[in-house]
Structures are given as C-alpha cells and as structure tokens.
Amino acid sequence: MSSFLPLAGVRVADFTRVLTGPFCTMLLADLGAEVIKIEPPGGDDTRAWGPPFQTSELGRESSYFLSVNRGKRSVVLDLKTPEGLRAARAIVGQADLLVENFRPGTLEKLGLGWDALHAEFPRLIYGAISGFGQTGPYRDRAGYDVIAQGMGGLMSYNGEEGRSPVRVGVAVADVFAGSLITQGLLAALYAREKTGLGGRVDVNLLEAVIALGTSQVSRYLATGEIPTPMGNDHRSIVPYGTFACGDGFVNVAVGNDSLWRRFCAALELQGLAADPALASNEGRVAGRERLNAALLSGMAHFTRHEVMTRLDAAGVPCGPVYDMKGVFEDEHVKDQGIAVTVPHATLGQTTVTAAPWSFGGVRPPVRRGPPVLGEHTAEVLSELGLTD
C-alpha cells in the first residue's frame, strides 16, 4: 500500500512557538497537512534553547527545535509592520486551520483574532492554546509546562514518598495539550464537512494536566483522599513497578491473579505463591511492603536478561528500563524505523522521530526536515502573489 496522508490538501497557518503548539502542527504535518510556520524576526524561542545544538559548517540548530518542527515550511514575518500583517493575512486567507499559542488577546490586537477572522473567512478553523484558558482569573497569565504540572496537581503525586515535588521529566502538559488541540481540530474539520462553517477550538495547559490525572483525580473526587507520591508503585495493583535485578532494572505489570501465579512460577518464588494472604490482588496491595521486599531479594540473583526471558515465556508483561541509547538500540525500535534521517538545509541531514501512526500498515513519511529560519519565506509569499 502506498503512503496515505489523510490531511493532504489541508493548509495550516501556524502561529505557534516553543512546544505545545509546534507539537500540534507537527502532528498535522505528519498527517499530510501543508503547515506554514510563521516566525518573528529572530525565530521561535526554541531555536536558541541549547545546548545541545546540532552543528555544521553552515550553521547550527537547537535539538529542541528540531524535535517538534519536522514537516513544516518557515516564513519570517514582522507582525508589527503593515507589510508583515498583510502577508500574514494572505497566508490565513488560504488556510483551513489557524493554530496559535499566544496569551489570550494577543492576536486580537493585531486583527487576527477569532471574531475578525471568522467574519472574513467563515470556513477557517481557529485553534488556540493558552496556559489557563480564554476566561477566568488567570486568563492573562503566561503558561509553561512546569507551572501547569504544579498547579494541576501532577507534581503532588509524582516522585518518591517523602521527597520534594518532582515534575515529570518530559513536558507532559505541553505534549498532552498539543495532542488534545490536534484532536479538537480534526473534529472541527469533520464538523465543517457537515456544516460548511469553521469553528473555534480552545485548549489550555492547566486543564490538560488535570485531565491527564484521570484515576488520581477520580479517586480524590470520589473519596476526598489526596493522592501522594508512590514512586514507581501502582496504588491499586501489586506487584506493578520497577524491580532491581543483578545487572539492571525491569518493570513488571502483574494485573491479575492468574498472572501472579505465572509470575511466581517463572521466577521460582514458590513461597510467595503458596502464601494465602498474597493470593488475591487485594491481599497483595495490603501486603505491599512485605511483598516488594521479598521480590527485591528474590530477583536480585537473576540478570535482567534472565528475568525478561522467564517472564516473556510465561506471558507476564515486563520490560527493561532503558536509557535513551538502549531505546534506539532495541531490536524492535530498529525494526519499526522510528528514527528517520532526513535532509536539512544547513546541517546536511538530521535524524528525527517518525510519525507515530500507520494507516493500512504503512507509516506516513517524513516529507520535510525541520526548516531553517525563514527558509521558505520567498517561496510561500510568491505562491500567494506577493512581490519581492
């Protein structure tokens, strides 16, 4: 089957920068949309976020920027000038989607807000990402991932018991909000097929983190119990988490009593298997500390490979704890082609991750590498009929 690009023919005016908005527009590009990234003079903030940088004789690019901008064309416009605004409006006029993550009201001041654009371009779909939403007491606050992780409660139950609050090591508020706005935009495109009209989609970082909390949030709302950090343990399933072997760490997920019996047989833990207090998950949760201590002792004399081999053979969910080198050396990751090397205007080539879907068993190709600042300004504006 040839590559299927479900958003082929969809045009995106991308006014986003940093992470959450660019993550969204990168996903849209992966799906086949034509994404025009509109950058100010000096570029997206993340072009300067380093080290690390990838360098060549012709220039350097921040690895942070490279991570979320594949598949796009870059146009530099100064929106503080009439010429820049005129060019921006020309791009918007040809777009199906506009995506922005400025503070609420910023684009309104430039005449590029939802009300003005909807009146002029009624089929345009407008996606806005903010820190705290378009209304409410915190509307005008700047939003960053670490702020949302703290205010959304995530840092209160992440990390180790008795330690200081810890944010998740990847920007989950940004990435999840970027995923949510993408879902909303796709739904709005579907709705437009039926109504002929565009719509507005709003997502904010704070609500994204609260939504991400799912079971922790529900537990609190149902019982009033405040979740606390438990490290890698699961609040409702035991054993479920990270265990040390003789030469590394493995994660195991023993989600039911049948798996528990197979787990014990595979690792020769007959004493634990015979203990009636541990026969049910409820009993294992109650005996968590005693059980975890016994498992640490029982698994220490196995190598990680031995644990994985035994548990795989028994059908018990398990996996090694990798560093990033281990991830990309794993035979499955290699087989799936998740790391893709693409041409780049100044670096010669760079390696990015592939699109995270397949359609009919075929993964959409990475059609463009991340753009150099302003790489496509003349090309895009000439396509719109603007002169030098």
Protein backbone atom coordinates (compact mmCIF):
# COMPACT_ATOMS: atom_id res chain seq x y z
CA MET A 1 0.00 0.00 0.00
CA SER A 2 1.30 3.47 -0.83
CA SER A 3 1.58 6.14 1.86
CA PHE A 4 -1.79 7.50 2.94
CA LEU A 5 -1.88 11.15 4.02
CA PRO A 6 -5.38 11.81 5.39
CA LEU A 7 -4.84 15.59 5.64
CA ALA A 8 -3.41 16.06 2.15
CA GLY A 9 -4.74 19.36 0.80
CA VAL A 10 -5.35 20.88 4.26
CA ARG A 11 -3.44 24.11 4.85
CA VAL A 12 -2.33 25.31 8.27
CA ALA A 13 -1.31 28.83 9.28
CA ASP A 14 0.97 28.06 12.21
CA PHE A 15 1.49 30.98 14.61
CA THR A 16 2.80 28.74 17.40
CA ARG A 17 6.14 28.59 19.14
CA VAL A 18 8.04 26.73 21.87
CA LEU A 19 6.50 23.24 22.37
CA THR A 20 2.77 22.65 22.77
CA GLY A 21 1.68 24.46 19.59
CA PRO A 22 4.57 23.22 17.43
CA PHE A 23 3.89 19.66 18.65
CA CYS A 24 0.30 20.01 17.39
CA THR A 25 1.27 21.42 14.00
CA MET A 26 3.99 18.78 13.59
CA LEU A 27 1.34 16.08 14.04
CA LEU A 28 -0.83 17.82 11.44
CA ALA A 29 2.16 17.88 9.05
CA ASP A 30 2.78 14.18 9.72
CA LEU A 31 -0.80 13.53 8.66
CA GLY A 32 -0.24 15.30 5.35
CA ALA A 33 -1.23 18.93 6.02
CA GLU A 34 0.74 21.78 4.45
CA VAL A 35 1.98 23.68 7.50
CA ILE A 36 3.37 27.20 7.15
CA LYS A 37 5.23 28.13 10.31
CA ILE A 38 5.12 31.91 10.77
CA GLU A 39 8.10 33.06 12.85
CA PRO A 40 9.09 36.53 14.07
CA PRO A 41 12.48 38.03 13.19
CA GLY A 42 14.88 36.02 15.36
CA GLY A 43 12.66 32.95 15.16
CA ASP A 44 10.85 30.60 17.50
CA ASP A 45 12.24 30.85 21.05
CA THR A 46 13.40 27.23 20.97
CA ARG A 47 15.87 27.93 18.16
CA ALA A 48 18.03 29.37 20.95
CA TRP A 49 17.26 26.70 23.57
CA GLY A 50 20.56 24.94 23.96
CA PRO A 51 22.92 23.34 24.30
CA PRO A 52 22.66 20.83 22.80
CA PHE A 53 22.87 22.09 19.23
CA GLN A 54 23.47 20.12 16.07
CA THR A 55 26.14 21.93 14.07
CA SER A 56 27.70 22.01 10.62
CA GLU A 57 29.94 24.39 8.68
CA LEU A 58 26.80 26.21 7.51
CA GLY A 59 25.13 26.73 10.86
CA ARG A 60 23.62 25.13 13.91
CA GLU A 61 20.16 24.17 15.11
CA SER A 62 18.81 23.51 18.59
CA SER A 63 17.93 19.87 19.14
CA TYR A 64 14.84 21.12 20.98
CA PHE A 65 13.62 22.97 17.88
CA LEU A 66 14.42 20.01 15.64
CA SER A 67 12.30 17.74 17.84
CA VAL A 68 8.92 19.38 17.10
CA ASN A 69 9.18 21.10 13.72
CA ARG A 70 9.59 18.41 11.07
CA GLY A 71 7.39 18.67 8.01
CA LYS A 72 6.87 22.46 8.03
CA ARG A 73 7.83 25.48 5.91
CA SER A 74 9.23 28.51 7.75
CA VAL A 75 8.23 32.08 6.87
CA VAL A 76 9.61 35.06 8.78
CA LEU A 77 7.15 37.95 9.21
CA ASP A 78 7.29 41.01 11.43
CA LEU A 79 3.69 41.31 12.58
CA LYS A 80 4.42 44.76 14.00
CA THR A 81 4.63 46.13 10.46
CA PRO A 82 1.81 46.65 7.94
CA GLU A 83 3.69 44.56 5.37
CA GLY A 84 4.11 41.68 7.80
CA LEU A 85 0.46 41.76 8.78
CA ARG A 86 -0.64 41.90 5.16
CA ALA A 87 1.43 38.83 4.34
CA ALA A 88 0.10 37.03 7.42
CA ARG A 89 -3.49 37.73 6.37
CA ALA A 90 -2.73 36.42 2.90
CA ILE A 91 -1.49 33.15 4.43
CA VAL A 92 -4.53 32.92 6.72
CA GLY A 93 -6.85 33.59 3.79
CA GLN A 94 -5.62 30.41 2.09
CA ALA A 95 -5.66 28.30 5.27
CA ASP A 96 -8.11 25.73 6.60
CA LEU A 97 -6.66 25.85 10.11
CA LEU A 98 -5.01 28.56 12.18
CA VAL A 99 -3.17 27.47 15.32
CA GLU A 100 -1.74 29.88 17.90
CA ASN A 101 -0.49 29.75 21.48
CA PHE A 102 -0.08 33.40 22.44
CA ARG A 103 -1.54 34.84 25.61
CA PRO A 104 -5.27 35.43 25.15
CA GLY A 105 -5.97 38.68 23.32
CA THR A 106 -2.56 39.00 21.63
CA LEU A 107 -3.69 38.20 18.09
CA GLU A 108 -6.92 40.17 18.60
CA LYS A 109 -4.81 43.31 18.92
CA LEU A 110 -3.33 42.56 15.51
CA GLY A 111 -6.67 41.97 13.85
CA LEU A 112 -6.00 38.23 13.70
CA GLY A 113 -8.37 37.13 16.45
CA TRP A 114 -11.23 34.68 16.07
CA ASP A 115 -14.08 37.16 15.72
CA ALA A 116 -12.46 39.22 12.98
CA LEU A 117 -11.18 36.24 11.02
CA HIS A 118 -14.39 34.24 11.32
CA ALA A 119 -16.34 37.15 9.87
CA GLU A 120 -13.97 37.35 6.91
CA PHE A 121 -13.15 33.65 6.49
CA PRO A 122 -16.17 31.70 7.78
CA ARG A 123 -14.68 28.29 6.88
CA LEU A 124 -11.49 28.91 8.88
CA ILE A 125 -10.98 26.69 11.94
CA TYR A 126 -9.19 28.54 14.74
CA GLY A 127 -7.22 26.63 17.38
CA ALA A 128 -5.93 28.48 20.46
CA ILE A 129 -3.70 27.03 23.18
CA SER A 130 -3.13 29.01 26.37
CA GLY A 131 -1.88 28.50 29.89
CA PHE A 132 -5.21 28.85 31.66
CA GLY A 133 -7.96 29.40 29.09
CA GLN A 134 -9.69 32.32 27.44
CA THR A 135 -11.69 33.33 30.53
CA GLY A 136 -11.27 33.31 34.30
CA PRO A 137 -9.00 34.99 36.85
CA TYR A 138 -5.80 33.51 35.37
CA ARG A 139 -6.62 34.26 31.73
CA ASP A 140 -3.73 36.70 31.24
CA ARG A 141 -1.05 34.62 32.95
CA ALA A 142 1.73 33.12 30.88
CA GLY A 143 1.67 29.34 30.85
CA TYR A 144 4.64 27.00 30.88
CA ASP A 145 4.73 23.26 31.37
CA VAL A 146 6.28 23.28 34.83
CA ILE A 147 3.68 25.80 36.06
CA ALA A 148 0.84 23.61 34.80
CA GLN A 149 2.33 20.42 36.25
CA GLY A 150 2.42 22.09 39.65
CA MET A 151 -0.98 23.77 39.55
CA GLY A 152 -2.70 20.73 38.01
CA GLY A 153 -1.65 18.54 40.95
CA LEU A 154 0.67 16.28 38.97
CA MET A 155 3.77 17.17 40.97
CA SER A 156 1.98 16.39 44.24
CA TYR A 157 1.65 12.68 43.42
CA ASN A 158 4.67 12.21 41.15
CA GLY A 159 8.06 11.17 42.51
CA GLU A 160 9.11 9.40 45.71
CA GLU A 161 7.33 9.48 49.05
CA GLY A 162 8.86 11.97 51.47
CA ARG A 163 10.81 13.84 48.79
CA SER A 164 10.33 17.31 47.31
CA PRO A 165 7.79 17.66 44.46
CA VAL A 166 9.11 16.37 41.14
CA ARG A 167 7.91 17.28 37.67
CA VAL A 168 7.70 14.58 35.03
CA GLY A 169 10.95 14.56 33.06
CA VAL A 170 9.28 15.36 29.73
CA ALA A 171 6.94 18.30 29.20
CA VAL A 172 3.74 16.28 29.53
CA ALA A 173 1.49 19.33 29.93
CA ASP A 174 2.73 20.73 26.64
CA VAL A 175 2.68 17.44 24.78
CA PHE A 176 -0.74 16.37 26.05
CA ALA A 177 -2.27 19.80 25.39
CA GLY A 178 -0.75 19.66 21.90
CA SER A 179 -2.35 16.26 21.37
CA LEU A 180 -5.72 17.50 22.67
CA ILE A 181 -5.79 20.55 20.38
CA THR A 182 -4.93 18.28 17.45
CA GLN A 183 -7.91 16.06 18.28
CA GLY A 184 -10.16 19.12 18.54
CA LEU A 185 -9.00 20.49 15.20
CA LEU A 186 -9.60 17.17 13.46
CA ALA A 187 -13.10 17.04 14.96
CA ALA A 188 -13.72 20.60 13.75
CA LEU A 189 -12.62 19.63 10.23
CA TYR A 190 -15.11 16.77 10.32
CA ALA A 191 -17.86 19.08 11.57
CA ARG A 192 -17.08 21.56 8.76
CA GLU A 193 -17.79 18.85 6.22
CA LYS A 194 -21.37 18.77 7.53
CA THR A 195 -21.97 22.47 8.30
CA GLY A 196 -19.68 24.28 5.87
CA LEU A 197 -18.52 26.52 8.73
CA GLY A 198 -15.30 26.70 10.69
CA GLY A 199 -15.19 26.81 14.45
CA ARG A 200 -13.01 27.67 17.38
CA VAL A 201 -11.15 25.09 19.49
CA ASP A 202 -9.58 26.12 22.81
CA VAL A 203 -7.25 24.04 24.99
CA ASN A 204 -5.17 25.10 27.98
CA LEU A 205 -2.24 23.57 29.84
CA LEU A 206 -3.86 23.54 33.29
CA GLU A 207 -6.91 21.58 32.19
CA ALA A 208 -4.71 19.25 30.15
CA VAL A 209 -2.79 18.28 33.30
CA ILE A 210 -5.98 17.81 35.29
CA ALA A 211 -7.38 15.59 32.52
CA LEU A 212 -4.11 13.67 32.43
CA GLY A 213 -4.60 12.82 36.12
CA THR A 214 -7.60 10.55 35.30
CA SER A 215 -7.61 7.89 38.05
CA GLN A 216 -5.86 10.12 40.60
CA VAL A 217 -8.36 12.90 40.01
CA SER A 218 -11.30 10.49 40.12
CA ARG A 219 -10.05 8.95 43.37
CA TYR A 220 -9.97 12.36 45.01
CA LEU A 221 -13.37 13.45 43.67
CA ALA A 222 -14.95 10.17 44.79
CA THR A 223 -13.39 9.83 48.24
CA GLY A 224 -11.72 13.12 49.19
CA GLU A 225 -8.46 11.18 49.58
CA ILE A 226 -5.49 13.27 48.42
CA PRO A 227 -3.09 11.23 46.23
CA THR A 228 0.51 11.16 47.40
CA PRO A 229 3.73 10.06 45.69
CA MET A 230 4.36 6.33 45.47
CA GLY A 231 7.44 6.22 43.28
CA ASN A 232 7.01 3.53 40.64
CA ASP A 233 4.40 1.55 42.56
CA HIS A 234 0.76 1.39 41.47
CA ARG A 235 -1.80 2.44 44.02
CA SER A 236 -4.22 -0.39 43.19
CA ILE A 237 -2.10 -3.21 41.69
CA VAL A 238 0.77 -5.19 43.26
CA PRO A 239 3.31 -6.14 42.01
CA TYR A 240 3.39 -3.38 39.42
CA GLY A 241 6.52 -1.28 39.07
CA THR A 242 10.28 -1.31 38.88
CA PHE A 243 12.48 -4.02 40.37
CA ALA A 244 16.25 -4.40 40.52
CA CYS A 245 17.91 -7.44 39.00
CA GLY A 246 21.54 -8.38 39.30
CA ASP A 247 22.59 -6.04 36.48
CA GLY A 248 19.76 -3.58 35.86
CA PHE A 249 16.09 -2.83 36.30
CA VAL A 250 12.90 -4.29 34.88
CA ASN A 251 9.30 -3.18 35.01
CA VAL A 252 6.63 -5.79 35.65
CA ALA A 253 2.85 -5.49 35.50
CA VAL A 254 1.03 -8.29 37.30
CA GLY A 255 -2.52 -7.17 36.61
CA ASN A 256 -4.49 -10.20 37.83
CA ASP A 257 -4.24 -13.30 40.00
CA SER A 258 -3.51 -15.65 37.09
CA LEU A 259 -0.52 -13.52 36.13
CA TRP A 260 0.60 -13.58 39.77
CA ARG A 261 0.74 -17.37 39.77
CA ARG A 262 2.65 -17.43 36.48
CA PHE A 263 4.99 -14.71 37.74
CA CYS A 264 5.87 -16.73 40.83
CA ALA A 265 6.38 -19.94 38.86
CA ALA A 266 8.63 -18.24 36.30
CA LEU A 267 10.92 -16.75 38.95
CA GLU A 268 10.81 -19.77 41.30
CA LEU A 269 9.02 -17.87 44.06
CA GLN A 270 7.16 -20.87 45.45
CA GLY A 271 7.00 -19.48 48.97
CA LEU A 272 5.17 -16.37 47.82
CA ALA A 273 2.88 -18.37 45.56
CA ALA A 274 1.86 -20.59 48.48
CA ASP A 275 1.07 -17.67 50.83
CA PRO A 276 -2.76 -17.38 51.03
CA ALA A 277 -2.50 -13.74 52.12
CA LEU A 278 -0.99 -12.91 48.72
CA ALA A 279 -3.31 -14.99 46.56
CA SER A 280 -5.54 -12.04 45.64
CA ASN A 281 -4.62 -8.60 44.39
CA GLU A 282 -6.39 -7.06 47.38
CA GLY A 283 -4.16 -9.08 49.69
CA ARG A 284 -1.06 -8.14 47.75
CA VAL A 285 -1.96 -4.44 47.96
CA ALA A 286 -2.39 -4.81 51.74
CA GLY A 287 0.97 -6.63 51.97
CA ARG A 288 2.77 -4.33 49.55
CA GLU A 289 5.84 -3.56 51.67
CA ARG A 290 6.46 -7.16 52.70
CA LEU A 291 5.93 -8.42 49.15
CA ASN A 292 8.13 -5.82 47.46
CA ALA A 293 10.96 -6.57 49.90
CA ALA A 294 10.65 -10.29 49.12
CA LEU A 295 10.64 -9.63 45.38
CA LEU A 296 13.75 -7.49 45.56
CA SER A 297 15.53 -10.30 47.35
CA GLY A 298 14.14 -12.99 45.06
CA MET A 299 15.02 -11.22 41.80
CA ALA A 300 18.50 -9.96 42.74
CA HIS A 301 20.26 -13.19 41.73
CA PHE A 302 18.82 -13.11 38.20
CA THR A 303 20.25 -10.99 35.40
CA ARG A 304 17.87 -8.66 33.60
CA HIS A 305 18.00 -10.89 30.53
CA GLU A 306 17.10 -13.93 32.62
CA VAL A 307 14.12 -12.17 34.20
CA MET A 308 12.90 -10.95 30.83
CA THR A 309 13.30 -14.37 29.21
CA ARG A 310 11.47 -16.17 32.00
CA LEU A 311 8.60 -13.68 32.23
CA ASP A 312 8.19 -13.43 28.46
CA ALA A 313 7.93 -17.21 28.25
CA ALA A 314 5.28 -17.17 30.98
CA GLY A 315 3.30 -14.40 29.29
CA VAL A 316 3.83 -11.93 32.13
CA PRO A 317 4.02 -8.28 30.95
CA CYS A 318 7.53 -6.97 31.53
CA GLY A 319 10.10 -4.66 30.01
CA PRO A 320 13.61 -3.37 30.62
CA VAL A 321 14.29 0.13 31.93
CA TYR A 322 16.38 1.72 29.17
CA ASP A 323 18.38 4.87 28.90
CA MET A 324 17.94 6.62 25.54
CA LYS A 325 20.84 4.72 24.00
CA GLY A 326 19.13 1.49 24.94
CA VAL A 327 15.86 2.64 23.41
CA PHE A 328 17.33 3.19 19.96
CA GLU A 329 19.47 0.06 20.08
CA ASP A 330 16.47 -2.13 20.86
CA GLU A 331 15.74 -4.57 18.02
CA HIS A 332 12.04 -3.72 17.93
CA VAL A 333 12.62 0.05 17.77
CA LYS A 334 15.11 -0.52 14.94
CA ASP A 335 12.68 -2.79 13.11
CA GLN A 336 9.88 -0.22 13.28
CA GLY A 337 12.01 2.56 11.77
CA ILE A 338 11.22 5.09 14.50
CA ALA A 339 14.44 7.08 13.91
CA VAL A 340 14.38 8.68 10.45
CA THR A 341 17.24 10.61 8.82
CA VAL A 342 16.04 13.46 6.58
CA PRO A 343 17.74 16.20 4.54
CA HIS A 344 18.32 19.57 6.20
CA ALA A 345 19.19 22.88 4.54
CA THR A 346 22.24 23.72 6.67
CA LEU A 347 23.04 20.55 8.61
CA GLY A 348 23.05 18.37 5.51
CA GLN A 349 20.87 15.87 7.31
CA THR A 350 19.34 15.34 10.72
CA THR A 351 17.59 12.46 12.46
CA VAL A 352 14.06 12.85 13.78
CA THR A 353 11.37 10.51 15.05
CA ALA A 354 8.84 9.11 12.62
CA ALA A 355 5.12 9.84 12.57
CA PRO A 356 3.51 7.87 15.43
CA TRP A 357 0.76 6.21 13.36
CA SER A 358 0.38 3.85 10.47
CA PHE A 359 -2.52 3.59 8.03
CA GLY A 360 -3.13 0.20 6.49
CA GLY A 361 0.19 -0.89 7.94
CA VAL A 362 2.11 1.97 6.31
CA ARG A 363 3.63 4.82 8.33
CA PRO A 364 3.32 8.31 6.76
CA PRO A 365 6.73 9.50 5.55
CA VAL A 366 8.57 12.49 6.98
CA ARG A 367 8.16 14.73 3.95
CA ARG A 368 10.38 17.60 5.12
CA GLY A 369 13.08 18.07 7.69
CA PRO A 370 12.73 20.87 10.26
CA PRO A 371 13.12 24.22 8.44
CA VAL A 372 15.89 26.77 8.74
CA LEU A 373 14.61 30.14 9.94
CA GLY A 374 12.85 31.84 7.04
CA GLU A 375 13.84 29.08 4.63
CA HIS A 376 10.57 29.29 2.71
CA THR A 377 9.64 32.98 3.06
CA ALA A 378 10.13 33.93 -0.59
CA GLU A 379 8.69 30.64 -1.84
CA VAL A 380 5.46 30.87 0.19
CA LEU A 381 4.82 34.57 -0.37
CA SER A 382 5.42 34.27 -4.11
CA GLU A 383 2.85 31.47 -4.20
CA LEU A 384 0.39 33.98 -2.71
CA GLY A 385 1.16 36.51 -5.44
CA LEU A 386 3.17 38.88 -3.25
CA THR A 387 6.14 40.62 -4.84
CA ASP A 388 9.71 40.87 -3.59
